[in-house]
Amino acid sequence: MDDGVMALASKIRLLVLDVDGVLTDGGLYYDADGLVMKRFNVQDGFGIKLAQSVGLEIGVITGLDQKPVAKRIRELGIVHYYPGNHKKLPHFLEMCEKAGVSPGEAAFMGDDWIDLAVMREAGLAMCVPNAQPEVLDAADWVSTRPGGHGAVREAISFIMQARGLTEDALKQWAE
């Protein structure tokens, strides 16, 4: 792993996530009544709980405003949640202010053009391997797992490792 990227990750106190293509596989599933369903990965959810347990704050900014996402966000205890926002940068900056961190102490994980402005402002730009080419070019770090399949857990593990928090998390959860 690149020492420069590890150094960036060691400063991260807030991880902000996109939803579709990052926390989910990006698919929109409709039932017979036209209601949208989302598929979330339990490892990502547990990773979020791990992060919270060692003081790493989590936030979400998403372009869509959908009930299944809001429900999952509540279940995970994420307080920094901005749904229905295609212009994500102002909300990212507001989230940083509310969390008491500078943009340089925040990471953002996205997958599409809508995420580029925030990725350019964040202290650590992260993405999934199936992100759009321009997003891959802007990323400091790319997960090995695709969105909705443990990519968020992988990102959290990387940040925790860089910050020296893995042992603390293991003590809390594995004993």
Protein backbone atom coordinates (compact mmCIF):
# COMPACT_ATOMS: atom_id res chain seq x y z
CA MET A 1 0.00 0.00 0.00
CA ASP A 2 1.22 3.46 -0.91
CA ASP A 3 2.61 5.25 2.18
CA GLY A 4 1.08 8.55 1.02
CA VAL A 5 -2.41 7.07 0.89
CA MET A 6 -1.90 5.43 4.28
CA ALA A 7 -0.86 8.83 5.66
CA LEU A 8 -4.04 10.41 4.25
CA ALA A 9 -6.14 7.65 5.80
CA SER A 10 -4.47 8.07 9.19
CA LYS A 11 -6.06 11.54 9.48
CA ILE A 12 -9.63 10.48 8.69
CA ARG A 13 -12.26 11.07 11.39
CA LEU A 14 -15.37 11.08 9.17
CA LEU A 15 -16.22 8.70 6.33
CA VAL A 16 -18.99 9.90 4.00
CA LEU A 17 -20.63 7.41 1.67
CA ASP A 18 -22.72 7.48 -1.46
CA VAL A 19 -25.51 4.88 -1.50
CA ASP A 20 -26.27 3.50 -4.96
CA GLY A 21 -23.21 1.71 -6.27
CA VAL A 22 -21.36 1.98 -2.94
CA LEU A 23 -23.62 0.82 -0.08
CA THR A 24 -25.72 -1.08 -2.64
CA ASP A 25 -24.91 -2.82 -5.89
CA GLY A 26 -26.51 0.07 -7.76
CA GLY A 27 -29.51 -1.95 -8.86
CA LEU A 28 -33.04 -0.64 -8.57
CA TYR A 29 -35.37 -3.51 -7.77
CA TYR A 30 -39.11 -2.96 -8.17
CA ASP A 31 -41.81 -5.18 -6.70
CA ALA A 32 -45.14 -5.86 -8.46
CA ASP A 33 -46.60 -2.67 -6.96
CA GLY A 34 -43.73 -0.52 -8.22
CA LEU A 35 -42.08 -0.11 -4.82
CA VAL A 36 -38.28 0.16 -4.84
CA MET A 37 -36.24 -2.39 -2.93
CA LYS A 38 -32.53 -2.16 -2.14
CA ARG A 39 -29.97 -4.83 -1.33
CA PHE A 40 -27.48 -3.98 1.42
CA ASN A 41 -24.53 -6.07 2.56
CA VAL A 42 -24.47 -7.09 6.22
CA GLN A 43 -20.65 -6.85 6.30
CA ASP A 44 -20.90 -3.19 5.31
CA GLY A 45 -23.42 -2.66 8.10
CA PHE A 46 -21.21 -4.34 10.66
CA GLY A 47 -18.24 -2.34 9.38
CA ILE A 48 -20.21 0.85 10.04
CA LYS A 49 -20.94 -0.33 13.60
CA LEU A 50 -17.23 -1.13 14.03
CA ALA A 51 -16.28 2.35 12.84
CA GLN A 52 -18.75 3.99 15.19
CA SER A 53 -17.48 1.91 18.11
CA VAL A 54 -13.96 3.33 17.73
CA GLY A 55 -15.04 6.93 17.14
CA LEU A 56 -14.99 7.10 13.34
CA GLU A 57 -18.08 9.03 12.28
CA ILE A 58 -20.12 7.92 9.29
CA GLY A 59 -22.22 10.07 6.98
CA VAL A 60 -24.30 9.45 3.87
CA ILE A 61 -25.14 11.74 0.95
CA THR A 62 -27.28 10.26 -1.79
CA GLY A 63 -28.86 11.58 -4.95
CA LEU A 64 -32.09 9.65 -4.36
CA ASP A 65 -34.51 9.92 -1.43
CA GLN A 66 -35.93 6.45 -0.86
CA LYS A 67 -37.60 4.84 2.14
CA PRO A 68 -35.52 1.63 2.13
CA VAL A 69 -32.33 3.69 2.38
CA ALA A 70 -33.70 5.88 5.18
CA LYS A 71 -34.70 2.75 7.10
CA ARG A 72 -31.23 1.23 6.74
CA ILE A 73 -29.57 4.49 7.79
CA ARG A 74 -31.72 4.60 10.95
CA GLU A 75 -30.95 0.93 11.70
CA LEU A 76 -27.24 1.69 11.54
CA GLY A 77 -27.50 4.77 13.76
CA ILE A 78 -26.06 7.12 11.15
CA VAL A 79 -26.95 10.69 12.14
CA HIS A 80 -25.31 12.53 9.24
CA TYR A 81 -27.77 11.74 6.43
CA TYR A 82 -28.54 13.90 3.39
CA PRO A 83 -30.96 12.21 0.94
CA GLY A 84 -32.11 13.53 -2.43
CA ASN A 85 -29.06 15.65 -3.20
CA HIS A 86 -27.42 15.73 -6.60
CA LYS A 87 -25.14 18.63 -5.60
CA LYS A 88 -23.29 16.87 -2.81
CA LEU A 89 -20.43 19.26 -2.04
CA PRO A 90 -22.42 21.81 0.04
CA HIS A 91 -23.87 18.98 2.13
CA PHE A 92 -20.44 17.40 2.56
CA LEU A 93 -19.04 20.70 3.86
CA GLU A 94 -22.02 21.12 6.19
CA MET A 95 -21.56 17.58 7.45
CA CYS A 96 -17.88 18.23 8.16
CA GLU A 97 -18.79 21.35 10.10
CA LYS A 98 -21.43 19.53 12.15
CA ALA A 99 -19.01 16.69 12.88
CA GLY A 100 -16.27 19.15 13.88
CA VAL A 101 -13.78 17.99 11.25
CA SER A 102 -12.06 19.72 8.37
CA PRO A 103 -12.65 18.39 4.85
CA GLY A 104 -9.07 17.11 5.01
CA GLU A 105 -10.10 14.86 7.91
CA ALA A 106 -12.99 13.39 5.93
CA ALA A 107 -13.02 10.62 3.34
CA PHE A 108 -15.65 10.22 0.66
CA MET A 109 -16.50 7.01 -1.18
CA GLY A 110 -18.39 7.23 -4.46
CA ASP A 111 -18.78 5.65 -7.86
CA ASP A 112 -20.10 8.16 -10.42
CA TRP A 113 -19.70 11.70 -11.73
CA ILE A 114 -22.13 13.05 -9.15
CA ASP A 115 -19.46 12.22 -6.52
CA LEU A 116 -16.47 13.93 -8.15
CA ALA A 117 -16.81 17.38 -6.54
CA VAL A 118 -16.80 15.86 -3.06
CA MET A 119 -13.98 13.46 -3.87
CA ARG A 120 -11.84 16.41 -4.97
CA GLU A 121 -12.51 18.24 -1.67
CA ALA A 122 -12.15 15.29 0.72
CA GLY A 123 -8.90 14.43 2.43
CA LEU A 124 -9.17 10.87 1.10
CA ALA A 125 -11.05 10.08 -2.12
CA MET A 126 -12.26 6.47 -2.24
CA CYS A 127 -14.25 4.49 -4.78
CA VAL A 128 -15.34 1.03 -5.85
CA PRO A 129 -13.56 -0.85 -8.67
CA ASN A 130 -16.58 -0.63 -10.99
CA ALA A 131 -16.76 3.18 -10.68
CA GLN A 132 -16.81 5.38 -13.76
CA PRO A 133 -13.32 5.97 -15.29
CA GLU A 134 -13.21 9.63 -14.19
CA VAL A 135 -14.00 8.59 -10.62
CA LEU A 136 -11.31 5.93 -10.68
CA ASP A 137 -8.85 8.59 -11.87
CA ALA A 138 -9.84 10.91 -9.00
CA ALA A 139 -9.58 8.23 -6.30
CA ASP A 140 -6.69 7.93 -3.87
CA TRP A 141 -7.87 4.43 -2.90
CA VAL A 142 -9.99 1.83 -4.71
CA SER A 143 -11.64 -1.11 -2.98
CA THR A 144 -11.20 -4.62 -4.36
CA ARG A 145 -14.88 -5.39 -3.74
CA PRO A 146 -17.69 -3.82 -5.75
CA GLY A 147 -20.41 -1.68 -4.25
CA GLY A 148 -22.97 -3.58 -2.20
CA HIS A 149 -20.58 -6.49 -1.73
CA GLY A 150 -18.39 -5.42 1.18
CA ALA A 151 -16.63 -2.40 -0.36
CA VAL A 152 -17.62 -0.15 2.56
CA ARG A 153 -16.36 -2.68 5.11
CA GLU A 154 -13.08 -2.84 3.19
CA ALA A 155 -12.78 0.97 3.23
CA ILE A 156 -13.52 1.11 6.95
CA SER A 157 -10.95 -1.62 7.66
CA PHE A 158 -8.36 0.33 5.68
CA ILE A 159 -9.03 3.56 7.60
CA MET A 160 -9.05 1.74 10.94
CA GLN A 161 -5.74 0.07 10.09
CA ALA A 162 -4.19 3.41 9.07
CA ARG A 163 -5.39 5.02 12.31
CA GLY A 164 -4.25 2.10 14.48
CA LEU A 165 -7.82 1.32 15.59
CA THR A 166 -8.12 -2.30 14.50
CA GLU A 167 -6.95 -3.79 17.81
CA ASP A 168 -9.41 -1.63 19.78
CA ALA A 169 -12.25 -2.79 17.55
CA LEU A 170 -11.21 -6.43 17.87
CA LYS A 171 -11.17 -6.14 21.67
CA GLN A 172 -14.68 -4.71 21.68
CA TRP A 173 -16.23 -7.17 19.25
CA ALA A 174 -14.22 -10.37 19.19
CA GLU A 175 -13.83 -11.07 22.90
